[in-house]
Each structure stands twice: as structure tokens, then as C-alpha cells.
Amino acid sequence: MKQIISMATESLLPYCDEFIVNHREYAAAQGYEYKLYQKKHRDFVDFHPVYSRIGFVLDALEAGYDPIVAIDMDAAFMNYTWDIGTLLIHSQVDVGRWPAGYANPILEKSPGCWLAGYNQSNWPSTYLCFGLLVYRNNWMSKAFLKEVWRRSLVNPEIDSAREQYRS
């Protein structure tokens, strides 16, 4: 079972029709279940809606989906003939980026990667774009998401931002 997850809150939904159609068409073409969330995740109601993605992906992992594609509502699929989930397959991974003489520790322990995404070209190279991520259903994906959630709970900057989004 493969799943694509996107989210549009009530205030954003009227502007998303073309993206919703795009996500549904791509999901159908590649055999994914498409899940559009329109409310915050039950564990993230006091946070900005973007944090709900953590809960929705964790729910999909617990339900057994593999892979899970989490896509922003302002992102679109351009090639309906290619399954983005193949980014997680060992043969698709660019291992040439590892320094000479070093083995890729992820690929040694797993037949492929546990997370695939991209580095947005107009941002500094240290940032992973959260707008499109593909997760493998394994302990590494779960641990990563739980750690992001844990760190967000103890971050003073997030505490002040959270106050803006209380119901």
C-alpha cells in the first residue's frame, strides 16, 4: 500500500483545486492512495498546520503504508509515468556524493534509503526542503519524525510561534 499525503486548511482550500486534481491524478496513475487532510492532526492542534504533517506521516507509517509521499499543497507532479517512490530504491540512489573511501552507512544496512527529498535551489545548501519528502516505512523514518517532534516541543522559538496558532 502506497500513500500520498497533502494538507489544506479551510482558509487555503479554495485556492488548491488544481493542485488537488494533480495530486489525485498522479496517485491514480501510480497506484497510490491519496489522502487530503483539511484539519490539523489531533496531536498538533496548538501548532502551525505544517506540524500536522509529522502526525499524519506517523499515522500512515503505523497503518503500514510504504512508501509515503508527503507533498505541499503548492507543489505539483509533472511526470505521471514515473513513481517518485523509486527514489528509495538502492539502484536509484546517487552514492557518488559520498567522500572517496567512505561507505554509505544507510545503504549498508538497508536496501535503499529511508528518506528522499531535495535541496531547494534558492535556499542555503544546509536545508532540506520539507515540501516534498518520500518516507520508507521503517524504524529510521519513525525515529526521525519522533525526534523532530521532540525537538519542536523544547524549542523556545517554536513555543513563541505556537502561541499564534492556538484555537
Foldseek 3Di string as FASTA:
>chain_A
DAEEEEEDEPVRVVVQVVLVVQQVLLCVLVVHHYDYHHAADPVAQLADRVLSVLVVCLVCLVVPHFKYKYAYSPDGDDDSNDDPSCQFAQVNDDQVVDDPPDDDVQVVVDRGHQKDFDQDPVDPRVDTDPRIMIGGNDPVSNVVSVVVVVVLVPDPVRVVNSNVRHD
